[in-house]
Amino acid sequence: MKKFAPLAVLFGLLTALLLGGTASALAATPDSGHGSFTCNNVAGVTVVQCSDVLDNVKVTINGNRVLTNNELNILSGDLNNTQLDVQDIDVTVINAYKSFNPPINITVQDINVCIASVCS
């Protein structure tokens, strides 16, 4: 049994080293999206709110019309494939609104992004 103890310790250290290296590599990999955004029209106004409750993100967009269900789904899908970064979210929202028919021209000033209660 004494012969196996050093091997077990060595194996444990090697495993910890390998797993630690893998975790570091995974942490450095850019996040390509989360898949938990939902977007809804705010009743009676031309404002859309999108939220990702898993990552504590809320996006409020002031547009010039109410979005259709299809447009809301497109916006949600686009946000689900965006990194949790204010600039990335802004660009994604602007591009989604430009893709609608008819297009909606909005600017960064029309978008409010809150990540973990810090708003821009």
PDB file of N, CA and C in Angstrom:
ATOM      1  N   MET A   1       0.815  -1.188   0.000  1.00  0.00           N
ATOM      2  CA  MET A   1       0.000   0.000   0.000  1.00  0.00           C
ATOM      3  C   MET A   1       0.862   1.255   0.000  1.00  0.00           C
ATOM      4  N   LYS A   2       2.019   1.197   0.683  1.00  0.00           N
ATOM      5  CA  LYS A   2       2.890   2.357   0.750  1.00  0.00           C
ATOM      6  C   LYS A   2       3.405   2.750  -0.633  1.00  0.00           C
ATOM      7  N   LYS A   3       3.568   1.787  -1.542  1.00  0.00           N
ATOM      8  CA  LYS A   3       4.063   2.075  -2.878  1.00  0.00           C
ATOM      9  C   LYS A   3       3.045   2.894  -3.675  1.00  0.00           C
ATOM     10  N   PHE A   4       1.776   2.668  -3.411  1.00  0.00           N
ATOM     11  CA  PHE A   4       0.735   3.338  -4.185  1.00  0.00           C
ATOM     12  C   PHE A   4       0.449   4.754  -3.692  1.00  0.00           C
ATOM     13  N   ALA A   5       0.760   5.054  -2.461  1.00  0.00           N
ATOM     14  CA  ALA A   5       0.473   6.384  -1.912  1.00  0.00           C
ATOM     15  C   ALA A   5       1.200   7.488  -2.686  1.00  0.00           C
ATOM     16  N   PRO A   6       2.527   7.377  -2.934  1.00  0.00           N
ATOM     17  CA  PRO A   6       3.192   8.436  -3.713  1.00  0.00           C
ATOM     18  C   PRO A   6       2.622   8.546  -5.131  1.00  0.00           C
ATOM     19  N   LEU A   7       2.257   7.420  -5.722  1.00  0.00           N
ATOM     20  CA  LEU A   7       1.669   7.459  -7.059  1.00  0.00           C
ATOM     21  C   LEU A   7       0.318   8.162  -7.043  1.00  0.00           C
ATOM     22  N   ALA A   8      -0.467   7.902  -6.027  1.00  0.00           N
ATOM     23  CA  ALA A   8      -1.775   8.541  -5.915  1.00  0.00           C
ATOM     24  C   ALA A   8      -1.620  10.047  -5.729  1.00  0.00           C
ATOM     25  N   VAL A   9      -0.658  10.458  -4.920  1.00  0.00           N
ATOM     26  CA  VAL A   9      -0.412  11.891  -4.712  1.00  0.00           C
ATOM     27  C   VAL A   9       0.059  12.527  -6.005  1.00  0.00           C
ATOM     28  N   LEU A  10       0.983  11.859  -6.692  1.00  0.00           N
ATOM     29  CA  LEU A  10       1.482  12.373  -7.966  1.00  0.00           C
ATOM     30  C   LEU A  10       0.355  12.467  -8.992  1.00  0.00           C
ATOM     31  N   PHE A  11      -0.480  11.454  -9.069  1.00  0.00           N
ATOM     32  CA  PHE A  11      -1.617  11.468  -9.991  1.00  0.00           C
ATOM     33  C   PHE A  11      -2.586  12.597  -9.642  1.00  0.00           C
ATOM     34  N   GLY A  12      -2.827  12.788  -8.362  1.00  0.00           N
ATOM     35  CA  GLY A  12      -3.717  13.870  -7.915  1.00  0.00           C
ATOM     36  C   GLY A  12      -3.166  15.235  -8.283  1.00  0.00           C
ATOM     37  N   LEU A  13      -1.864  15.442  -8.083  1.00  0.00           N
ATOM     38  CA  LEU A  13      -1.238  16.712  -8.445  1.00  0.00           C
ATOM     39  C   LEU A  13      -1.282  16.946  -9.953  1.00  0.00           C
ATOM     40  N   LEU A  14      -1.000  15.906 -10.715  1.00  0.00           N
ATOM     41  CA  LEU A  14      -1.035  16.013 -12.172  1.00  0.00           C
ATOM     42  C   LEU A  14      -2.447  16.342 -12.651  1.00  0.00           C
ATOM     43  N   THR A  15      -3.431  15.681 -12.077  1.00  0.00           N
ATOM     44  CA  THR A  15      -4.825  15.947 -12.444  1.00  0.00           C
ATOM     45  C   THR A  15      -5.207  17.379 -12.101  1.00  0.00           C
ATOM     46  N   ALA A  16      -4.841  17.844 -10.919  1.00  0.00           N
ATOM     47  CA  ALA A  16      -5.151  19.218 -10.513  1.00  0.00           C
ATOM     48  C   ALA A  16      -4.488  20.220 -11.440  1.00  0.00           C
ATOM     49  N   LEU A  17      -3.241  19.927 -11.822  1.00  0.00           N
ATOM     50  CA  LEU A  17      -2.519  20.805 -12.747  1.00  0.00           C
ATOM     51  C   LEU A  17      -3.223  20.866 -14.094  1.00  0.00           C
ATOM     52  N   LEU A  18      -3.604  19.697 -14.597  1.00  0.00           N
ATOM     53  CA  LEU A  18      -4.279  19.645 -15.896  1.00  0.00           C
ATOM     54  C   LEU A  18      -5.629  20.335 -15.840  1.00  0.00           C
ATOM     55  N   LEU A  19      -6.393  20.082 -14.812  1.00  0.00           N
ATOM     56  CA  LEU A  19      -7.715  20.720 -14.691  1.00  0.00           C
ATOM     57  C   LEU A  19      -7.587  22.215 -14.482  1.00  0.00           C
ATOM     58  N   GLY A  20      -6.610  22.621 -13.706  1.00  0.00           N
ATOM     59  CA  GLY A  20      -6.389  24.055 -13.493  1.00  0.00           C
ATOM     60  C   GLY A  20      -6.005  24.743 -14.785  1.00  0.00           C
ATOM     61  N   GLY A  21      -5.153  24.100 -15.582  1.00  0.00           N
ATOM     62  CA  GLY A  21      -4.772  24.658 -16.870  1.00  0.00           C
ATOM     63  C   GLY A  21      -5.948  24.742 -17.813  1.00  0.00           C
ATOM     64  N   THR A  22      -6.794  23.734 -17.801  1.00  0.00           N
ATOM     65  CA  THR A  22      -7.976  23.738 -18.652  1.00  0.00           C
ATOM     66  C   THR A  22      -8.930  24.831 -18.224  1.00  0.00           C
ATOM     67  N   ALA A  23      -9.136  24.991 -16.931  1.00  0.00           N
ATOM     68  CA  ALA A  23     -10.049  26.035 -16.453  1.00  0.00           C
ATOM     69  C   ALA A  23      -9.545  27.414 -16.845  1.00  0.00           C
ATOM     70  N   SER A  24      -8.227  27.622 -16.767  1.00  0.00           N
ATOM     71  CA  SER A  24      -7.675  28.908 -17.159  1.00  0.00           C
ATOM     72  C   SER A  24      -7.880  29.153 -18.639  1.00  0.00           C
ATOM     73  N   ALA A  25      -7.692  28.129 -19.445  1.00  0.00           N
ATOM     74  CA  ALA A  25      -7.881  28.280 -20.883  1.00  0.00           C
ATOM     75  C   ALA A  25      -9.340  28.576 -21.201  1.00  0.00           C
ATOM     76  N   LEU A  26     -10.250  27.907 -20.514  1.00  0.00           N
ATOM     77  CA  LEU A  26     -11.670  28.156 -20.744  1.00  0.00           C
ATOM     78  C   LEU A  26     -12.063  29.555 -20.305  1.00  0.00           C
ATOM     79  N   ALA A  27     -11.500  30.031 -19.224  1.00  0.00           N
ATOM     80  CA  ALA A  27     -11.835  31.366 -18.744  1.00  0.00           C
ATOM     81  C   ALA A  27     -11.365  32.436 -19.715  1.00  0.00           C
ATOM     82  N   ALA A  28     -10.310  32.172 -20.450  1.00  0.00           N
ATOM     83  CA  ALA A  28      -9.794  33.162 -21.392  1.00  0.00           C
ATOM     84  C   ALA A  28     -10.537  33.140 -22.721  1.00  0.00           C
ATOM     85  N   THR A  29     -11.359  32.110 -22.957  1.00  0.00           N
ATOM     86  CA  THR A  29     -12.103  32.009 -24.204  1.00  0.00           C
ATOM     87  C   THR A  29     -13.242  33.019 -24.193  1.00  0.00           C
ATOM     88  N   PRO A  30     -13.382  33.843 -25.262  1.00  0.00           N
ATOM     89  CA  PRO A  30     -14.467  34.819 -25.284  1.00  0.00           C
ATOM     90  C   PRO A  30     -15.821  34.132 -25.231  1.00  0.00           C
ATOM     91  N   ASP A  31     -16.728  34.734 -24.512  1.00  0.00           N
ATOM     92  CA  ASP A  31     -18.078  34.212 -24.385  1.00  0.00           C
ATOM     93  C   ASP A  31     -18.850  34.568 -25.642  1.00  0.00           C
ATOM     94  N   SER A  32     -19.416  33.595 -26.304  1.00  0.00           N
ATOM     95  CA  SER A  32     -20.078  33.849 -27.577  1.00  0.00           C
ATOM     96  C   SER A  32     -21.574  34.048 -27.429  1.00  0.00           C
ATOM     97  N   GLY A  33     -22.078  34.103 -26.241  1.00  0.00           N
ATOM     98  CA  GLY A  33     -23.498  34.323 -26.079  1.00  0.00           C
ATOM     99  C   GLY A  33     -24.061  33.542 -24.917  1.00  0.00           C
ATOM    100  N   HIS A  34     -25.253  33.894 -24.530  1.00  0.00           N
ATOM    101  CA  HIS A  34     -25.825  33.299 -23.333  1.00  0.00           C
ATOM    102  C   HIS A  34     -27.136  32.585 -23.585  1.00  0.00           C
ATOM    103  N   GLY A  35     -27.923  33.069 -24.509  1.00  0.00           N
ATOM    104  CA  GLY A  35     -29.154  32.377 -24.846  1.00  0.00           C
ATOM    105  C   GLY A  35     -30.290  32.555 -23.873  1.00  0.00           C
ATOM    106  N   SER A  36     -30.294  33.613 -23.051  1.00  0.00           N
ATOM    107  CA  SER A  36     -31.394  33.766 -22.097  1.00  0.00           C
ATOM    108  C   SER A  36     -32.075  35.132 -22.161  1.00  0.00           C
ATOM    109  N   PHE A  37     -31.866  35.895 -23.222  1.00  0.00           N
ATOM    110  CA  PHE A  37     -32.553  37.182 -23.366  1.00  0.00           C
ATOM    111  C   PHE A  37     -33.990  36.981 -23.825  1.00  0.00           C
ATOM    112  N   THR A  38     -34.893  37.781 -23.266  1.00  0.00           N
ATOM    113  CA  THR A  38     -36.257  37.882 -23.768  1.00  0.00           C
ATOM    114  C   THR A  38     -36.559  39.362 -23.935  1.00  0.00           C
ATOM    115  N   CYS A  39     -37.250  39.699 -25.027  1.00  0.00           N
ATOM    116  CA  CYS A  39     -37.572  41.089 -25.322  1.00  0.00           C
ATOM    117  C   CYS A  39     -39.082  41.256 -25.432  1.00  0.00           C
ATOM    118  N   ASN A  40     -39.577  42.382 -24.919  1.00  0.00           N
ATOM    119  CA  ASN A  40     -41.014  42.675 -24.943  1.00  0.00           C
ATOM    120  C   ASN A  40     -41.240  44.151 -25.171  1.00  0.00           C
ATOM    121  N   ASN A  41     -42.347  44.458 -25.842  1.00  0.00           N
ATOM    122  CA  ASN A  41     -42.783  45.846 -25.963  1.00  0.00           C
ATOM    123  C   ASN A  41     -43.321  46.291 -24.610  1.00  0.00           C
ATOM    124  N   VAL A  42     -43.068  47.539 -24.259  1.00  0.00           N
ATOM    125  CA  VAL A  42     -43.652  48.116 -23.056  1.00  0.00           C
ATOM    126  C   VAL A  42     -45.027  48.635 -23.465  1.00  0.00           C
ATOM    127  N   ALA A  43     -46.056  48.258 -22.749  1.00  0.00           N
ATOM    128  CA  ALA A  43     -47.443  48.569 -23.111  1.00  0.00           C
ATOM    129  C   ALA A  43     -47.658  50.059 -23.332  1.00  0.00           C
ATOM    130  N   GLY A  44     -48.220  50.383 -24.498  1.00  0.00           N
ATOM    131  CA  GLY A  44     -48.646  51.745 -24.782  1.00  0.00           C
ATOM    132  C   GLY A  44     -47.565  52.711 -25.222  1.00  0.00           C
ATOM    133  N   VAL A  45     -46.310  52.279 -25.275  1.00  0.00           N
ATOM    134  CA  VAL A  45     -45.232  53.180 -25.698  1.00  0.00           C
ATOM    135  C   VAL A  45     -44.344  52.466 -26.709  1.00  0.00           C
ATOM    136  N   THR A  46     -43.441  53.206 -27.307  1.00  0.00           N
ATOM    137  CA  THR A  46     -42.537  52.629 -28.308  1.00  0.00           C
ATOM    138  C   THR A  46     -41.205  52.235 -27.687  1.00  0.00           C
ATOM    139  N   VAL A  47     -41.266  51.686 -26.498  1.00  0.00           N
ATOM    140  CA  VAL A  47     -40.068  51.259 -25.773  1.00  0.00           C
ATOM    141  C   VAL A  47     -40.059  49.732 -25.725  1.00  0.00           C
ATOM    142  N   VAL A  48     -38.878  49.164 -25.932  1.00  0.00           N
ATOM    143  CA  VAL A  48     -38.692  47.717 -25.839  1.00  0.00           C
ATOM    144  C   VAL A  48     -37.752  47.442 -24.675  1.00  0.00           C
ATOM    145  N   GLN A  49     -38.108  46.454 -23.872  1.00  0.00           N
ATOM    146  CA  GLN A  49     -37.220  46.031 -22.785  1.00  0.00           C
ATOM    147  C   GLN A  49     -36.802  44.593 -23.031  1.00  0.00           C
ATOM    148  N   CYS A  50     -35.499  44.371 -22.937  1.00  0.00           N
ATOM    149  CA  CYS A  50     -34.934  43.032 -23.067  1.00  0.00           C
ATOM    150  C   CYS A  50     -34.214  42.723 -21.763  1.00  0.00           C
ATOM    151  N   SER A  51     -34.388  41.512 -21.290  1.00  0.00           N
ATOM    152  CA  SER A  51     -33.702  41.158 -20.048  1.00  0.00           C
ATOM    153  C   SER A  51     -33.129  39.757 -20.133  1.00  0.00           C
ATOM    154  N   ASP A  52     -32.045  39.584 -19.439  1.00  0.00           N
ATOM    155  CA  ASP A  52     -31.369  38.304 -19.295  1.00  0.00           C
ATOM    156  C   ASP A  52     -31.229  38.096 -17.792  1.00  0.00           C
ATOM    157  N   VAL A  53     -32.202  37.416 -17.201  1.00  0.00           N
ATOM    158  CA  VAL A  53     -32.231  37.291 -15.741  1.00  0.00           C
ATOM    159  C   VAL A  53     -31.082  36.437 -15.216  1.00  0.00           C
ATOM    160  N   LEU A  54     -30.586  35.518 -16.023  1.00  0.00           N
ATOM    161  CA  LEU A  54     -29.492  34.670 -15.568  1.00  0.00           C
ATOM    162  C   LEU A  54     -28.205  35.463 -15.375  1.00  0.00           C
ATOM    163  N   ASP A  55     -27.994  36.475 -16.228  1.00  0.00           N
ATOM    164  CA  ASP A  55     -26.775  37.268 -16.144  1.00  0.00           C
ATOM    165  C   ASP A  55     -27.021  38.667 -15.603  1.00  0.00           C
ATOM    166  N   ASN A  56     -28.249  38.945 -15.130  1.00  0.00           N
ATOM    167  CA  ASN A  56     -28.609  40.230 -14.530  1.00  0.00           C
ATOM    168  C   ASN A  56     -28.339  41.393 -15.486  1.00  0.00           C
ATOM    169  N   VAL A  57     -28.902  41.282 -16.701  1.00  0.00           N
ATOM    170  CA  VAL A  57     -28.739  42.310 -17.720  1.00  0.00           C
ATOM    171  C   VAL A  57     -30.115  42.802 -18.137  1.00  0.00           C
ATOM    172  N   LYS A  58     -30.239  44.131 -18.275  1.00  0.00           N
ATOM    173  CA  LYS A  58     -31.486  44.726 -18.740  1.00  0.00           C
ATOM    174  C   LYS A  58     -31.146  45.769 -19.793  1.00  0.00           C
ATOM    175  N   VAL A  59     -31.841  45.693 -20.934  1.00  0.00           N
ATOM    176  CA  VAL A  59     -31.624  46.624 -22.034  1.00  0.00           C
ATOM    177  C   VAL A  59     -32.953  47.311 -22.327  1.00  0.00           C
ATOM    178  N   THR A  60     -32.955  48.637 -22.328  1.00  0.00           N
ATOM    179  CA  THR A  60     -34.149  49.409 -22.648  1.00  0.00           C
ATOM    180  C   THR A  60     -33.851  50.216 -23.908  1.00  0.00           C
ATOM    181  N   ILE A  61     -34.767  50.104 -24.892  1.00  0.00           N
ATOM    182  CA  ILE A  61     -34.554  50.742 -26.190  1.00  0.00           C
ATOM    183  C   ILE A  61     -35.735  51.646 -26.511  1.00  0.00           C
ATOM    184  N   ASN A  62     -35.450  52.902 -26.828  1.00  0.00           N
ATOM    185  CA  ASN A  62     -36.484  53.849 -27.261  1.00  0.00           C
ATOM    186  C   ASN A  62     -36.481  53.889 -28.780  1.00  0.00           C
ATOM    187  N   GLY A  63     -37.575  53.410 -29.376  1.00  0.00           N
ATOM    188  CA  GLY A  63     -37.683  53.415 -30.837  1.00  0.00           C
ATOM    189  C   GLY A  63     -38.800  54.341 -31.273  1.00  0.00           C
ATOM    190  N   ASN A  64     -39.223  54.179 -32.535  1.00  0.00           N
ATOM    191  CA  ASN A  64     -40.304  55.034 -33.029  1.00  0.00           C
ATOM    192  C   ASN A  64     -41.578  54.267 -33.334  1.00  0.00           C
ATOM    193  N   ARG A  65     -41.581  52.949 -33.007  1.00  0.00           N
ATOM    194  CA  ARG A  65     -42.796  52.156 -33.173  1.00  0.00           C
ATOM    195  C   ARG A  65     -42.714  50.894 -32.331  1.00  0.00           C
ATOM    196  N   VAL A  66     -43.855  50.268 -32.144  1.00  0.00           N
ATOM    197  CA  VAL A  66     -43.925  48.997 -31.428  1.00  0.00           C
ATOM    198  C   VAL A  66     -43.379  47.915 -32.352  1.00  0.00           C
ATOM    199  N   LEU A  67     -42.605  46.984 -31.803  1.00  0.00           N
ATOM    200  CA  LEU A  67     -42.038  45.905 -32.606  1.00  0.00           C
ATOM    201  C   LEU A  67     -43.025  44.752 -32.743  1.00  0.00           C
ATOM    202  N   THR A  68     -42.952  44.054 -33.885  1.00  0.00           N
ATOM    203  CA  THR A  68     -43.764  42.858 -34.092  1.00  0.00           C
ATOM    204  C   THR A  68     -43.166  41.712 -33.279  1.00  0.00           C
ATOM    205  N   ASN A  69     -43.924  40.627 -33.120  1.00  0.00           N
ATOM    206  CA  ASN A  69     -43.397  39.453 -32.402  1.00  0.00           C
ATOM    207  C   ASN A  69     -42.162  38.904 -33.111  1.00  0.00           C
ATOM    208  N   ASN A  70     -42.173  38.897 -34.443  1.00  0.00           N
ATOM    209  CA  ASN A  70     -41.022  38.414 -35.201  1.00  0.00           C
ATOM    210  C   ASN A  70     -39.792  39.287 -34.930  1.00  0.00           C
ATOM    211  N   GLU A  71     -39.977  40.603 -34.912  1.00  0.00           N
ATOM    212  CA  GLU A  71     -38.859  41.506 -34.630  1.00  0.00           C
ATOM    213  C   GLU A  71     -38.338  41.314 -33.212  1.00  0.00           C
ATOM    214  N   LEU A  72     -39.239  41.108 -32.262  1.00  0.00           N
ATOM    215  CA  LEU A  72     -38.812  40.848 -30.882  1.00  0.00           C
ATOM    216  C   LEU A  72     -37.992  39.564 -30.802  1.00  0.00           C
ATOM    217  N   ASN A  73     -38.418  38.540 -31.553  1.00  0.00           N
ATOM    218  CA  ASN A  73     -37.675  37.273 -31.571  1.00  0.00           C
ATOM    219  C   ASN A  73     -36.301  37.444 -32.207  1.00  0.00           C
ATOM    220  N   ILE A  74     -36.228  38.229 -33.282  1.00  0.00           N
ATOM    221  CA  ILE A  74     -34.936  38.494 -33.928  1.00  0.00           C
ATOM    222  C   ILE A  74     -34.003  39.211 -32.955  1.00  0.00           C
ATOM    223  N   LEU A  75     -34.528  40.245 -32.293  1.00  0.00           N
ATOM    224  CA  LEU A  75     -33.723  41.011 -31.335  1.00  0.00           C
ATOM    225  C   LEU A  75     -33.236  40.117 -30.199  1.00  0.00           C
ATOM    226  N   SER A  76     -34.128  39.303 -29.642  1.00  0.00           N
ATOM    227  CA  SER A  76     -33.737  38.380 -28.568  1.00  0.00           C
ATOM    228  C   SER A  76     -32.648  37.426 -29.041  1.00  0.00           C
ATOM    229  N   GLY A  77     -32.832  36.853 -30.231  1.00  0.00           N
ATOM    230  CA  GLY A  77     -31.850  35.919 -30.774  1.00  0.00           C
ATOM    231  C   GLY A  77     -30.501  36.567 -30.989  1.00  0.00           C
ATOM    232  N   ASP A  78     -30.523  37.797 -31.531  1.00  0.00           N
ATOM    233  CA  ASP A  78     -29.255  38.509 -31.747  1.00  0.00           C
ATOM    234  C   ASP A  78     -28.555  38.787 -30.423  1.00  0.00           C
ATOM    235  N   LEU A  79     -29.305  39.205 -29.412  1.00  0.00           N
ATOM    236  CA  LEU A  79     -28.704  39.476 -28.103  1.00  0.00           C
ATOM    237  C   LEU A  79     -28.174  38.200 -27.454  1.00  0.00           C
ATOM    238  N   ASN A  80     -28.842  37.084 -27.697  1.00  0.00           N
ATOM    239  CA  ASN A  80     -28.395  35.809 -27.130  1.00  0.00           C
ATOM    240  C   ASN A  80     -27.040  35.390 -27.671  1.00  0.00           C
ATOM    241  N   ASN A  81     -26.639  35.935 -28.815  1.00  0.00           N
ATOM    242  CA  ASN A  81     -25.356  35.597 -29.417  1.00  0.00           C
ATOM    243  C   ASN A  81     -24.342  36.723 -29.275  1.00  0.00           C
ATOM    244  N   THR A  82     -24.557  37.585 -28.298  1.00  0.00           N
ATOM    245  CA  THR A  82     -23.687  38.741 -28.071  1.00  0.00           C
ATOM    246  C   THR A  82     -22.984  38.602 -26.732  1.00  0.00           C
ATOM    247  N   GLN A  83     -21.739  39.045 -26.688  1.00  0.00           N
ATOM    248  CA  GLN A  83     -21.015  39.054 -25.414  1.00  0.00           C
ATOM    249  C   GLN A  83     -21.642  40.082 -24.481  1.00  0.00           C
ATOM    250  N   LEU A  84     -21.516  39.843 -23.195  1.00  0.00           N
ATOM    251  CA  LEU A  84     -22.057  40.766 -22.194  1.00  0.00           C
ATOM    252  C   LEU A  84     -21.110  41.944 -22.031  1.00  0.00           C
ATOM    253  N   ASP A  85     -21.175  42.815 -22.999  1.00  0.00           N
ATOM    254  CA  ASP A  85     -20.353  44.015 -23.034  1.00  0.00           C
ATOM    255  C   ASP A  85     -21.246  45.128 -23.572  1.00  0.00           C
ATOM    256  N   VAL A  86     -21.250  46.285 -22.937  1.00  0.00           N
ATOM    257  CA  VAL A  86     -22.160  47.368 -23.304  1.00  0.00           C
ATOM    258  C   VAL A  86     -22.017  47.733 -24.774  1.00  0.00           C
ATOM    259  N   GLN A  87     -20.797  47.892 -25.252  1.00  0.00           N
ATOM    260  CA  GLN A  87     -20.599  48.282 -26.651  1.00  0.00           C
ATOM    261  C   GLN A  87     -21.099  47.213 -27.612  1.00  0.00           C
ATOM    262  N   ASP A  88     -20.843  45.941 -27.299  1.00  0.00           N
ATOM    263  CA  ASP A  88     -21.327  44.852 -28.150  1.00  0.00           C
ATOM    264  C   ASP A  88     -22.855  44.823 -28.175  1.00  0.00           C
ATOM    265  N   ILE A  89     -23.466  45.032 -27.022  1.00  0.00           N
ATOM    266  CA  ILE A  89     -24.929  45.042 -26.953  1.00  0.00           C
ATOM    267  C   ILE A  89     -25.485  46.215 -27.749  1.00  0.00           C
ATOM    268  N   ASP A  90     -24.884  47.404 -27.602  1.00  0.00           N
ATOM    269  CA  ASP A  90     -25.327  48.574 -28.370  1.00  0.00           C
ATOM    270  C   ASP A  90     -25.284  48.305 -29.876  1.00  0.00           C
ATOM    271  N   VAL A  91     -24.166  47.782 -30.357  1.00  0.00           N
ATOM    272  CA  VAL A  91     -24.004  47.509 -31.789  1.00  0.00           C
ATOM    273  C   VAL A  91     -25.022  46.465 -32.255  1.00  0.00           C
ATOM    274  N   THR A  92     -25.230  45.437 -31.453  1.00  0.00           N
ATOM    275  CA  THR A  92     -26.188  44.387 -31.808  1.00  0.00           C
ATOM    276  C   THR A  92     -27.594  44.952 -31.933  1.00  0.00           C
ATOM    277  N   VAL A  93     -27.999  45.782 -30.973  1.00  0.00           N
ATOM    278  CA  VAL A  93     -29.339  46.373 -31.007  1.00  0.00           C
ATOM    279  C   VAL A  93     -29.497  47.286 -32.220  1.00  0.00           C
ATOM    280  N   ILE A  94     -28.527  48.143 -32.460  1.00  0.00           N
ATOM    281  CA  ILE A  94     -28.595  49.068 -33.607  1.00  0.00           C
ATOM    282  C   ILE A  94     -28.694  48.287 -34.913  1.00  0.00           C
ATOM    283  N   ASN A  95     -27.880  47.254 -35.071  1.00  0.00           N
ATOM    284  CA  ASN A  95     -27.917  46.450 -36.293  1.00  0.00           C
ATOM    285  C   ASN A  95     -29.237  45.698 -36.446  1.00  0.00           C
ATOM    286  N   ALA A  96     -29.779  45.191 -35.353  1.00  0.00           N
ATOM    287  CA  ALA A  96     -31.071  44.496 -35.425  1.00  0.00           C
ATOM    288  C   ALA A  96     -32.162  45.459 -35.879  1.00  0.00           C
ATOM    289  N   TYR A  97     -32.203  46.641 -35.294  1.00  0.00           N
ATOM    290  CA  TYR A  97     -33.217  47.630 -35.659  1.00  0.00           C
ATOM    291  C   TYR A  97     -33.074  48.054 -37.124  1.00  0.00           C
ATOM    292  N   LYS A  98     -31.844  48.138 -37.628  1.00  0.00           N
ATOM    293  CA  LYS A  98     -31.623  48.482 -39.031  1.00  0.00           C
ATOM    294  C   LYS A  98     -32.115  47.380 -39.963  1.00  0.00           C
ATOM    295  N   SER A  99     -32.135  46.132 -39.480  1.00  0.00           N
ATOM    296  CA  SER A  99     -32.531  45.001 -40.318  1.00  0.00           C
ATOM    297  C   SER A  99     -34.050  44.847 -40.428  1.00  0.00           C
ATOM    298  N   PHE A 100     -34.814  45.541 -39.579  1.00  0.00           N
ATOM    299  CA  PHE A 100     -36.267  45.416 -39.608  1.00  0.00           C
ATOM    300  C   PHE A 100     -36.836  46.069 -40.861  1.00  0.00           C
ATOM    301  N   ASN A 101     -38.055  45.648 -41.228  1.00  0.00           N
ATOM    302  CA  ASN A 101     -38.707  46.215 -42.400  1.00  0.00           C
ATOM    303  C   ASN A 101     -40.017  46.860 -41.994  1.00  0.00           C
ATOM    304  N   PRO A 102     -40.122  48.160 -41.983  1.00  0.00           N
ATOM    305  CA  PRO A 102     -39.104  49.129 -42.357  1.00  0.00           C
ATOM    306  C   PRO A 102     -38.042  49.262 -41.254  1.00  0.00           C
ATOM    307  N   PRO A 103     -36.830  49.661 -41.673  1.00  0.00           N
ATOM    308  CA  PRO A 103     -35.751  49.820 -40.699  1.00  0.00           C
ATOM    309  C   PRO A 103     -36.077  50.915 -39.679  1.00  0.00           C
ATOM    310  N   ILE A 104     -35.547  50.752 -38.491  1.00  0.00           N
ATOM    311  CA  ILE A 104     -35.701  51.760 -37.441  1.00  0.00           C
ATOM    312  C   ILE A 104     -34.314  52.307 -37.141  1.00  0.00           C
ATOM    313  N   ASN A 105     -34.150  53.599 -37.334  1.00  0.00           N
ATOM    314  CA  ASN A 105     -32.858  54.221 -37.056  1.00  0.00           C
ATOM    315  C   ASN A 105     -32.812  54.675 -35.607  1.00  0.00           C
ATOM    316  N   ILE A 106     -31.921  54.049 -34.853  1.00  0.00           N
ATOM    317  CA  ILE A 106     -31.703  54.442 -33.461  1.00  0.00           C
ATOM    318  C   ILE A 106     -30.213  54.689 -33.280  1.00  0.00           C
ATOM    319  N   THR A 107     -29.887  55.351 -32.188  1.00  0.00           N
ATOM    320  CA  THR A 107     -28.488  55.617 -31.855  1.00  0.00           C
ATOM    321  C   THR A 107     -28.196  55.046 -30.473  1.00  0.00           C
ATOM    322  N   VAL A 108     -26.954  55.127 -30.089  1.00  0.00           N
ATOM    323  CA  VAL A 108     -26.541  54.651 -28.761  1.00  0.00           C
ATOM    324  C   VAL A 108     -27.309  55.392 -27.667  1.00  0.00           C
ATOM    325  N   GLN A 109     -27.666  56.653 -27.917  1.00  0.00           N
ATOM    326  CA  GLN A 109     -28.404  57.436 -26.919  1.00  0.00           C
ATOM    327  C   GLN A 109     -29.818  56.884 -26.686  1.00  0.00           C
ATOM    328  N   ASP A 110     -30.323  56.070 -27.608  1.00  0.00           N
ATOM    329  CA  ASP A 110     -31.648  55.464 -27.470  1.00  0.00           C
ATOM    330  C   ASP A 110     -31.623  54.157 -26.690  1.00  0.00           C
ATOM    331  N   ILE A 111     -30.427  53.709 -26.311  1.00  0.00           N
ATOM    332  CA  ILE A 111     -30.248  52.407 -25.663  1.00  0.00           C
ATOM    333  C   ILE A 111     -29.680  52.599 -24.273  1.00  0.00           C
ATOM    334  N   ASN A 112     -30.299  51.949 -23.302  1.00  0.00           N
ATOM    335  CA  ASN A 112     -29.791  51.938 -21.931  1.00  0.00           C
ATOM    336  C   ASN A 112     -29.497  50.501 -21.539  1.00  0.00           C
ATOM    337  N   VAL A 113     -28.244  50.216 -21.235  1.00  0.00           N
ATOM    338  CA  VAL A 113     -27.838  48.854 -20.865  1.00  0.00           C
ATOM    339  C   VAL A 113     -27.445  48.856 -19.394  1.00  0.00           C
ATOM    340  N   CYS A 114     -28.025  47.942 -18.632  1.00  0.00           N
ATOM    341  CA  CYS A 114     -27.655  47.758 -17.217  1.00  0.00           C
ATOM    342  C   CYS A 114     -27.142  46.332 -17.055  1.00  0.00           C
ATOM    343  N   ILE A 115     -25.919  46.218 -16.583  1.00  0.00           N
ATOM    344  CA  ILE A 115     -25.318  44.916 -16.289  1.00  0.00           C
ATOM    345  C   ILE A 115     -24.996  44.897 -14.807  1.00  0.00           C
ATOM    346  N   ALA A 116     -25.612  43.985 -14.085  1.00  0.00           N
ATOM    347  CA  ALA A 116     -25.424  43.864 -12.630  1.00  0.00           C
ATOM    348  C   ALA A 116     -25.667  45.218 -11.941  1.00  0.00           C
ATOM    349  N   SER A 117     -26.756  45.877 -12.314  1.00  0.00           N
ATOM    350  CA  SER A 117     -27.188  47.154 -11.719  1.00  0.00           C
ATOM    351  C   SER A 117     -26.288  48.335 -12.042  1.00  0.00           C
ATOM    352  N   VAL A 118     -25.323  48.174 -12.943  1.00  0.00           N
ATOM    353  CA  VAL A 118     -24.491  49.281 -13.404  1.00  0.00           C
ATOM    354  C   VAL A 118     -24.990  49.639 -14.796  1.00  0.00           C
ATOM    355  N   CYS A 119     -25.534  50.852 -14.942  1.00  0.00           N
ATOM    356  CA  CYS A 119     -26.158  51.264 -16.193  1.00  0.00           C
ATOM    357  C   CYS A 119     -25.286  52.230 -16.977  1.00  0.00           C
ATOM    358  N   SER A 120     -25.431  52.148 -18.291  1.00  0.00           N
ATOM    359  CA  SER A 120     -24.681  53.065 -19.150  1.00  0.00           C
ATOM    360  C   SER A 120     -25.622  53.987 -19.884  1.00  0.00           C
TER     361      SER A 120
END
